[in-house]
């Protein structure tokens, strides 16, 4: 499908509003995230591969904060387990509507895919079914910090023995020099992908009050408190990483 280029922050804005996943963002989201998140295509495709190692019969595979369903599509391509169902959840009605369109298009291109259910809901209020795989792909960082432990605890309770949570997040670093270096490298990544200084600055202003990253140590401690027994980092590119958390 043809991608619409991200030009949301290309013109000067008198007052930069907080970032929201509205229709304007939905139209450019594939281009935006590919040009903003180092390693994103690798994470998404391999998330499907990893899920294939943990998926179990008679269980749900959750894509929480599914946006346009890239992870759901990867799950359906790679998981070949009978009687599984992908449940994709997002609280943005614009995202959910377009996600359903993309997954319907996937159905027309491939045969014998896992069934998928797309739900518009707040993942912090979701009643989880027994699950063998839960994906939180750059979603937890948008949840208020005081709600993150409760969400992870409920995910842990829903996970079947032998299942896994796959958590991808932007990281912050306690060491000031490390934080500064990786921030500068991330900005260089955005420049290399065609974003102007104005776009970079305005996007940073829009998202700084909305997205609150944690350090790897904070993730480990919170996951342990939620009841996970093992946390395995499997990917990092600059200040973006993905972890496998085992029950």
C-alpha atoms as a PDB file:
ATOM      1  CA  UNK A   1       0.000   0.000   0.000  1.00  0.00           C
ATOM      2  CA  UNK A   2       1.228   3.460  -0.894  1.00  0.00           C
ATOM      3  CA  UNK A   3       2.516   5.416   2.084  1.00  0.00           C
ATOM      4  CA  UNK A   4       1.593   9.054   2.654  1.00  0.00           C
ATOM      5  CA  UNK A   5       4.711  11.019   3.674  1.00  0.00           C
ATOM      6  CA  UNK A   6       4.795  12.483   7.168  1.00  0.00           C
ATOM      7  CA  UNK A   7       4.708  16.279   6.912  1.00  0.00           C
ATOM      8  CA  UNK A   8       2.727  16.981  10.094  1.00  0.00           C
ATOM      9  CA  UNK A   9       5.445  19.140  11.676  1.00  0.00           C
ATOM     10  CA  UNK A  10       6.982  20.521   8.468  1.00  0.00           C
ATOM     11  CA  UNK A  11       5.426  23.988   8.840  1.00  0.00           C
ATOM     12  CA  UNK A  12       5.974  26.290  11.842  1.00  0.00           C
ATOM     13  CA  UNK A  13       3.226  26.001  14.453  1.00  0.00           C
ATOM     14  CA  UNK A  14       2.470  28.920  16.753  1.00  0.00           C
ATOM     15  CA  UNK A  15       1.728  26.503  19.592  1.00  0.00           C
ATOM     16  CA  UNK A  16       2.614  22.833  19.306  1.00  0.00           C
ATOM     17  CA  UNK A  17      -0.193  20.725  20.758  1.00  0.00           C
ATOM     18  CA  UNK A  18       0.381  17.448  22.588  1.00  0.00           C
ATOM     19  CA  UNK A  19       0.730  14.482  20.265  1.00  0.00           C
ATOM     20  CA  UNK A  20      -2.435  12.413  19.707  1.00  0.00           C
ATOM     21  CA  UNK A  21      -3.142   9.409  17.507  1.00  0.00           C
ATOM     22  CA  UNK A  22      -5.761  11.196  15.417  1.00  0.00           C
ATOM     23  CA  UNK A  23      -6.768  10.897  11.770  1.00  0.00           C
ATOM     24  CA  UNK A  24      -3.885  13.120  10.635  1.00  0.00           C
ATOM     25  CA  UNK A  25      -1.364  10.827  12.331  1.00  0.00           C
ATOM     26  CA  UNK A  26      -3.110   7.692  11.065  1.00  0.00           C
ATOM     27  CA  UNK A  27      -2.719   8.863   7.447  1.00  0.00           C
ATOM     28  CA  UNK A  28       1.075   9.156   7.770  1.00  0.00           C
ATOM     29  CA  UNK A  29       1.782   6.656  10.555  1.00  0.00           C
ATOM     30  CA  UNK A  30       3.635   3.968   8.525  1.00  0.00           C
ATOM     31  CA  UNK A  31       6.038   6.598   7.175  1.00  0.00           C
ATOM     32  CA  UNK A  32       6.323   8.363  10.540  1.00  0.00           C
ATOM     33  CA  UNK A  33       7.255   5.329  12.587  1.00  0.00           C
ATOM     34  CA  UNK A  34       9.676   3.894  10.014  1.00  0.00           C
ATOM     35  CA  UNK A  35      11.560   7.219   9.877  1.00  0.00           C
ATOM     36  CA  UNK A  36      11.410   7.804  13.654  1.00  0.00           C
ATOM     37  CA  UNK A  37      12.086   4.422  15.301  1.00  0.00           C
ATOM     38  CA  UNK A  38      15.436   2.787  14.502  1.00  0.00           C
ATOM     39  CA  UNK A  39      15.014  -0.914  13.794  1.00  0.00           C
ATOM     40  CA  UNK A  40      11.212  -0.821  13.695  1.00  0.00           C
ATOM     41  CA  UNK A  41      10.734  -3.143  10.679  1.00  0.00           C
ATOM     42  CA  UNK A  42      13.181  -5.648  12.192  1.00  0.00           C
ATOM     43  CA  UNK A  43      11.370  -5.610  15.529  1.00  0.00           C
ATOM     44  CA  UNK A  44       7.944  -6.109  13.969  1.00  0.00           C
ATOM     45  CA  UNK A  45       8.899  -8.965  11.670  1.00  0.00           C
ATOM     46  CA  UNK A  46      10.919 -10.809  14.310  1.00  0.00           C
ATOM     47  CA  UNK A  47       8.180 -10.297  16.870  1.00  0.00           C
ATOM     48  CA  UNK A  48       6.111 -12.600  14.685  1.00  0.00           C
ATOM     49  CA  UNK A  49       8.961 -15.125  14.570  1.00  0.00           C
ATOM     50  CA  UNK A  50       9.397 -14.993  18.364  1.00  0.00           C
ATOM     51  CA  UNK A  51       5.653 -15.343  18.915  1.00  0.00           C
ATOM     52  CA  UNK A  52       5.759 -18.520  16.857  1.00  0.00           C
ATOM     53  CA  UNK A  53       7.967 -20.077  19.530  1.00  0.00           C
ATOM     54  CA  UNK A  54       5.528 -19.332  22.362  1.00  0.00           C
ATOM     55  CA  UNK A  55       2.064 -19.524  20.799  1.00  0.00           C
ATOM     56  CA  UNK A  56      -0.126 -22.316  22.124  1.00  0.00           C
ATOM     57  CA  UNK A  57      -3.368 -23.940  21.052  1.00  0.00           C
ATOM     58  CA  UNK A  58      -6.638 -22.669  22.540  1.00  0.00           C
ATOM     59  CA  UNK A  59      -5.140 -19.287  23.483  1.00  0.00           C
ATOM     60  CA  UNK A  60      -5.213 -15.620  22.572  1.00  0.00           C
ATOM     61  CA  UNK A  61      -2.352 -13.654  21.035  1.00  0.00           C
ATOM     62  CA  UNK A  62      -2.680 -10.003  22.067  1.00  0.00           C
ATOM     63  CA  UNK A  63      -1.413  -6.993  20.146  1.00  0.00           C
ATOM     64  CA  UNK A  64      -1.920  -4.201  22.687  1.00  0.00           C
ATOM     65  CA  UNK A  65      -1.767  -0.691  21.300  1.00  0.00           C
ATOM     66  CA  UNK A  66      -2.007  -2.224  17.851  1.00  0.00           C
ATOM     67  CA  UNK A  67      -2.103   1.073  15.888  1.00  0.00           C
ATOM     68  CA  UNK A  68      -2.454  -0.007  12.225  1.00  0.00           C
ATOM     69  CA  UNK A  69      -1.916  -3.697  12.981  1.00  0.00           C
ATOM     70  CA  UNK A  70       1.665  -4.247  11.806  1.00  0.00           C
ATOM     71  CA  UNK A  71       2.351  -6.615  14.709  1.00  0.00           C
ATOM     72  CA  UNK A  72      -0.964  -8.407  14.201  1.00  0.00           C
ATOM     73  CA  UNK A  73      -0.029  -8.970  10.575  1.00  0.00           C
ATOM     74  CA  UNK A  74       3.347 -10.385  11.615  1.00  0.00           C
ATOM     75  CA  UNK A  75       1.686 -12.695  14.140  1.00  0.00           C
ATOM     76  CA  UNK A  76      -0.661 -13.996  11.471  1.00  0.00           C
ATOM     77  CA  UNK A  77       2.192 -14.568   9.000  1.00  0.00           C
ATOM     78  CA  UNK A  78       4.408 -16.492  11.392  1.00  0.00           C
ATOM     79  CA  UNK A  79       2.226 -18.285  13.943  1.00  0.00           C
ATOM     80  CA  UNK A  80       0.958 -21.643  12.683  1.00  0.00           C
ATOM     81  CA  UNK A  81      -0.811 -23.048  15.709  1.00  0.00           C
ATOM     82  CA  UNK A  82      -4.351 -24.349  15.577  1.00  0.00           C
ATOM     83  CA  UNK A  83      -7.130 -22.678  17.525  1.00  0.00           C
ATOM     84  CA  UNK A  84      -5.290 -19.430  18.216  1.00  0.00           C
ATOM     85  CA  UNK A  85      -6.829 -16.004  17.820  1.00  0.00           C
ATOM     86  CA  UNK A  86      -5.156 -12.611  17.471  1.00  0.00           C
ATOM     87  CA  UNK A  87      -6.820  -9.852  19.492  1.00  0.00           C
ATOM     88  CA  UNK A  88      -5.674  -6.383  18.416  1.00  0.00           C
ATOM     89  CA  UNK A  89      -6.581  -3.542  20.782  1.00  0.00           C
ATOM     90  CA  UNK A  90      -6.230   0.230  20.479  1.00  0.00           C
ATOM     91  CA  UNK A  91      -8.035   3.186  22.047  1.00  0.00           C
ATOM     92  CA  UNK A  92      -7.850   5.374  18.923  1.00  0.00           C
ATOM     93  CA  UNK A  93     -10.974   5.007  16.791  1.00  0.00           C
ATOM     94  CA  UNK A  94      -9.071   6.311  13.749  1.00  0.00           C
ATOM     95  CA  UNK A  95      -6.373   3.662  14.232  1.00  0.00           C
ATOM     96  CA  UNK A  96      -8.899   0.873  14.780  1.00  0.00           C
ATOM     97  CA  UNK A  97     -10.850   1.720  11.637  1.00  0.00           C
ATOM     98  CA  UNK A  98      -7.732   1.717   9.438  1.00  0.00           C
ATOM     99  CA  UNK A  99      -6.343  -1.367  11.183  1.00  0.00           C
ATOM    100  CA  UNK A 100      -9.448  -3.317  10.232  1.00  0.00           C
ATOM    101  CA  UNK A 101      -8.987  -2.230   6.607  1.00  0.00           C
ATOM    102  CA  UNK A 102      -5.346  -3.354   6.553  1.00  0.00           C
ATOM    103  CA  UNK A 103      -6.103  -6.726   8.126  1.00  0.00           C
ATOM    104  CA  UNK A 104      -8.943  -7.273   5.660  1.00  0.00           C
ATOM    105  CA  UNK A 105      -6.481  -6.562   2.846  1.00  0.00           C
ATOM    106  CA  UNK A 106      -4.090  -9.120   4.364  1.00  0.00           C
ATOM    107  CA  UNK A 107      -6.896 -11.683   4.305  1.00  0.00           C
ATOM    108  CA  UNK A 108      -7.260 -11.133   0.559  1.00  0.00           C
ATOM    109  CA  UNK A 109      -3.539 -11.750  -0.047  1.00  0.00           C
ATOM    110  CA  UNK A 110      -2.931 -14.796   2.160  1.00  0.00           C
ATOM    111  CA  UNK A 111      -4.840 -17.976   2.911  1.00  0.00           C
ATOM    112  CA  UNK A 112      -5.298 -19.860   6.180  1.00  0.00           C
ATOM    113  CA  UNK A 113      -4.345 -16.962   8.424  1.00  0.00           C
ATOM    114  CA  UNK A 114      -5.180 -16.874  12.116  1.00  0.00           C
ATOM    115  CA  UNK A 115      -8.512 -15.207  12.835  1.00  0.00           C
ATOM    116  CA  UNK A 116      -8.196 -11.691  14.197  1.00  0.00           C
ATOM    117  CA  UNK A 117     -10.474  -9.499  16.290  1.00  0.00           C
ATOM    118  CA  UNK A 118      -9.866  -5.737  16.359  1.00  0.00           C
ATOM    119  CA  UNK A 119     -11.156  -4.042  19.507  1.00  0.00           C
ATOM    120  CA  UNK A 120     -11.429  -0.344  20.353  1.00  0.00           C
ATOM    121  CA  UNK A 121     -10.721  -0.220  24.084  1.00  0.00           C
ATOM    122  CA  UNK A 122      -8.465   1.087  26.831  1.00  0.00           C
ATOM    123  CA  UNK A 123      -5.941  -1.701  27.454  1.00  0.00           C
ATOM    124  CA  UNK A 124      -5.787  -0.687  31.120  1.00  0.00           C
ATOM    125  CA  UNK A 125      -9.441  -1.717  31.475  1.00  0.00           C
ATOM    126  CA  UNK A 126      -9.331  -4.820  29.310  1.00  0.00           C
ATOM    127  CA  UNK A 127     -10.534  -8.202  30.576  1.00  0.00           C
ATOM    128  CA  UNK A 128      -7.800 -10.521  29.316  1.00  0.00           C
ATOM    129  CA  UNK A 129      -8.504 -14.010  28.042  1.00  0.00           C
ATOM    130  CA  UNK A 130      -5.963 -16.785  28.661  1.00  0.00           C
ATOM    131  CA  UNK A 131      -3.025 -15.819  26.432  1.00  0.00           C
ATOM    132  CA  UNK A 132       0.193 -17.429  25.250  1.00  0.00           C
ATOM    133  CA  UNK A 133       1.654 -14.263  23.650  1.00  0.00           C
ATOM    134  CA  UNK A 134       1.160 -10.605  24.524  1.00  0.00           C
ATOM    135  CA  UNK A 135       2.850  -7.881  22.469  1.00  0.00           C
ATOM    136  CA  UNK A 136       3.261  -4.361  23.832  1.00  0.00           C
ATOM    137  CA  UNK A 137       5.042  -2.697  20.945  1.00  0.00           C
ATOM    138  CA  UNK A 138       5.949   0.908  21.862  1.00  0.00           C
ATOM    139  CA  UNK A 139       2.758   1.201  23.879  1.00  0.00           C
ATOM    140  CA  UNK A 140       3.659   1.073  27.586  1.00  0.00           C
ATOM    141  CA  UNK A 141       5.558   4.372  27.273  1.00  0.00           C
ATOM    142  CA  UNK A 142       2.237   6.120  26.539  1.00  0.00           C
ATOM    143  CA  UNK A 143       0.528   4.657  29.635  1.00  0.00           C
ATOM    144  CA  UNK A 144       0.676   6.829  32.787  1.00  0.00           C
ATOM    145  CA  UNK A 145       3.520   5.517  34.965  1.00  0.00           C
ATOM    146  CA  UNK A 146       1.209   4.903  37.924  1.00  0.00           C
ATOM    147  CA  UNK A 147      -0.854   2.480  35.795  1.00  0.00           C
ATOM    148  CA  UNK A 148       1.983   0.470  34.255  1.00  0.00           C
ATOM    149  CA  UNK A 149       2.517  -2.021  37.072  1.00  0.00           C
ATOM    150  CA  UNK A 150      -1.175  -2.895  37.288  1.00  0.00           C
ATOM    151  CA  UNK A 151      -1.349  -3.472  33.518  1.00  0.00           C
ATOM    152  CA  UNK A 152       1.717  -5.719  33.536  1.00  0.00           C
ATOM    153  CA  UNK A 153       0.417  -7.627  36.555  1.00  0.00           C
ATOM    154  CA  UNK A 154      -2.867  -8.351  34.810  1.00  0.00           C
ATOM    155  CA  UNK A 155      -1.000  -9.432  31.671  1.00  0.00           C
ATOM    156  CA  UNK A 156       1.149 -11.760  33.778  1.00  0.00           C
ATOM    157  CA  UNK A 157      -1.954 -13.320  35.331  1.00  0.00           C
ATOM    158  CA  UNK A 158      -3.450 -13.905  31.877  1.00  0.00           C
ATOM    159  CA  UNK A 159      -0.319 -15.552  30.471  1.00  0.00           C
ATOM    160  CA  UNK A 160      -0.324 -19.319  30.279  1.00  0.00           C
ATOM    161  CA  UNK A 161       2.698 -21.312  31.478  1.00  0.00           C
ATOM    162  CA  UNK A 162       5.212 -21.292  28.651  1.00  0.00           C
ATOM    163  CA  UNK A 163       3.860 -18.029  27.228  1.00  0.00           C
ATOM    164  CA  UNK A 164       5.653 -14.710  26.808  1.00  0.00           C
ATOM    165  CA  UNK A 165       5.246 -10.954  26.887  1.00  0.00           C
ATOM    166  CA  UNK A 166       7.196  -9.123  24.183  1.00  0.00           C
ATOM    167  CA  UNK A 167       7.790  -5.517  25.236  1.00  0.00           C
ATOM    168  CA  UNK A 168       9.320  -2.922  22.896  1.00  0.00           C
ATOM    169  CA  UNK A 169      10.090   0.570  24.224  1.00  0.00           C
ATOM    170  CA  UNK A 170      12.175   3.668  23.824  1.00  0.00           C
ATOM    171  CA  UNK A 171      14.734   3.696  26.646  1.00  0.00           C
ATOM    172  CA  UNK A 172      16.105   6.461  28.805  1.00  0.00           C
ATOM    173  CA  UNK A 173      19.474   6.148  30.528  1.00  0.00           C
ATOM    174  CA  UNK A 174      20.592   7.052  34.041  1.00  0.00           C
ATOM    175  CA  UNK A 175      24.064   8.005  32.823  1.00  0.00           C
ATOM    176  CA  UNK A 176      23.881  11.567  31.465  1.00  0.00           C
ATOM    177  CA  UNK A 177      26.596  11.048  28.857  1.00  0.00           C
ATOM    178  CA  UNK A 178      24.971   7.867  27.579  1.00  0.00           C
ATOM    179  CA  UNK A 179      21.583   9.608  27.424  1.00  0.00           C
ATOM    180  CA  UNK A 180      23.046  12.579  25.538  1.00  0.00           C
ATOM    181  CA  UNK A 181      24.961  10.391  23.077  1.00  0.00           C
ATOM    182  CA  UNK A 182      22.006   8.196  22.199  1.00  0.00           C
ATOM    183  CA  UNK A 183      19.660  11.187  21.971  1.00  0.00           C
ATOM    184  CA  UNK A 184      22.051  12.854  19.514  1.00  0.00           C
ATOM    185  CA  UNK A 185      22.328   9.642  17.497  1.00  0.00           C
ATOM    186  CA  UNK A 186      18.549   9.326  17.376  1.00  0.00           C
ATOM    187  CA  UNK A 187      18.288  12.889  16.065  1.00  0.00           C
ATOM    188  CA  UNK A 188      20.933  12.038  13.457  1.00  0.00           C
ATOM    189  CA  UNK A 189      18.826   9.016  12.463  1.00  0.00           C
ATOM    190  CA  UNK A 190      15.821  11.294  11.921  1.00  0.00           C
ATOM    191  CA  UNK A 191      17.899  13.753   9.865  1.00  0.00           C
ATOM    192  CA  UNK A 192      19.181  10.886   7.734  1.00  0.00           C
ATOM    193  CA  UNK A 193      15.555   9.918   7.095  1.00  0.00           C
ATOM    194  CA  UNK A 194      14.690  13.359   5.766  1.00  0.00           C
ATOM    195  CA  UNK A 195      13.265  15.184   8.777  1.00  0.00           C
ATOM    196  CA  UNK A 196      14.186  18.866   9.073  1.00  0.00           C
ATOM    197  CA  UNK A 197      15.396  20.544  12.257  1.00  0.00           C
ATOM    198  CA  UNK A 198      11.983  22.214  12.538  1.00  0.00           C
ATOM    199  CA  UNK A 199      10.154  18.885  12.238  1.00  0.00           C
ATOM    200  CA  UNK A 200      12.419  17.259  14.812  1.00  0.00           C
ATOM    201  CA  UNK A 201      12.025  20.121  17.296  1.00  0.00           C
ATOM    202  CA  UNK A 202       8.245  20.425  16.944  1.00  0.00           C
ATOM    203  CA  UNK A 203       7.701  16.655  17.184  1.00  0.00           C
ATOM    204  CA  UNK A 204       9.825  16.602  20.357  1.00  0.00           C
ATOM    205  CA  UNK A 205       7.678  19.377  21.859  1.00  0.00           C
ATOM    206  CA  UNK A 206       4.494  17.531  20.916  1.00  0.00           C
ATOM    207  CA  UNK A 207       5.487  14.204  22.407  1.00  0.00           C
ATOM    208  CA  UNK A 208       7.501  15.102  25.523  1.00  0.00           C
ATOM    209  CA  UNK A 209       4.404  15.381  27.764  1.00  0.00           C
ATOM    210  CA  UNK A 210       2.760  12.289  26.264  1.00  0.00           C
ATOM    211  CA  UNK A 211       5.493   9.658  26.001  1.00  0.00           C
ATOM    212  CA  UNK A 212       7.452   8.891  29.190  1.00  0.00           C
ATOM    213  CA  UNK A 213      10.210   6.299  28.610  1.00  0.00           C
ATOM    214  CA  UNK A 214      11.745   4.162  31.355  1.00  0.00           C
ATOM    215  CA  UNK A 215      15.252   2.811  31.749  1.00  0.00           C
ATOM    216  CA  UNK A 216      16.038  -0.855  31.176  1.00  0.00           C
ATOM    217  CA  UNK A 217      16.581  -1.223  34.916  1.00  0.00           C
ATOM    218  CA  UNK A 218      13.138   0.239  35.637  1.00  0.00           C
ATOM    219  CA  UNK A 219      11.568  -2.167  33.149  1.00  0.00           C
ATOM    220  CA  UNK A 220      13.314  -5.141  34.739  1.00  0.00           C
ATOM    221  CA  UNK A 221      12.276  -4.136  38.264  1.00  0.00           C
ATOM    222  CA  UNK A 222       8.650  -3.487  37.283  1.00  0.00           C
ATOM    223  CA  UNK A 223       8.366  -6.754  35.337  1.00  0.00           C
ATOM    224  CA  UNK A 224       9.768  -8.662  38.310  1.00  0.00           C
ATOM    225  CA  UNK A 225       7.283  -6.948  40.630  1.00  0.00           C
ATOM    226  CA  UNK A 226       4.480  -7.891  38.223  1.00  0.00           C
ATOM    227  CA  UNK A 227       5.448 -11.547  38.608  1.00  0.00           C
ATOM    228  CA  UNK A 228       7.661 -12.256  35.600  1.00  0.00           C
ATOM    229  CA  UNK A 229      10.534 -14.621  36.334  1.00  0.00           C
ATOM    230  CA  UNK A 230      12.938 -13.746  33.519  1.00  0.00           C
ATOM    231  CA  UNK A 231      13.552 -10.744  31.253  1.00  0.00           C
ATOM    232  CA  UNK A 232      15.657 -11.240  28.133  1.00  0.00           C
ATOM    233  CA  UNK A 233      16.605  -8.257  25.935  1.00  0.00           C
ATOM    234  CA  UNK A 234      16.691  -9.549  22.360  1.00  0.00           C
ATOM    235  CA  UNK A 235      17.122  -6.352  20.337  1.00  0.00           C
ATOM    236  CA  UNK A 236      18.448  -2.818  20.697  1.00  0.00           C
ATOM    237  CA  UNK A 237      19.073  -0.129  18.097  1.00  0.00           C
ATOM    238  CA  UNK A 238      20.220   3.185  19.555  1.00  0.00           C
ATOM    239  CA  UNK A 239      17.735   4.064  22.340  1.00  0.00           C
ATOM    240  CA  UNK A 240      15.016   1.625  21.250  1.00  0.00           C
ATOM    241  CA  UNK A 241      14.880  -1.925  22.557  1.00  0.00           C
ATOM    242  CA  UNK A 242      12.698  -5.009  22.769  1.00  0.00           C
ATOM    243  CA  UNK A 243      12.495  -7.504  25.630  1.00  0.00           C
ATOM    244  CA  UNK A 244      11.012 -10.966  26.158  1.00  0.00           C
ATOM    245  CA  UNK A 245       9.470 -11.387  29.624  1.00  0.00           C
ATOM    246  CA  UNK A 246       8.708 -14.923  30.759  1.00  0.00           C
ATOM    247  CA  UNK A 247       6.142 -15.891  33.444  1.00  0.00           C
END
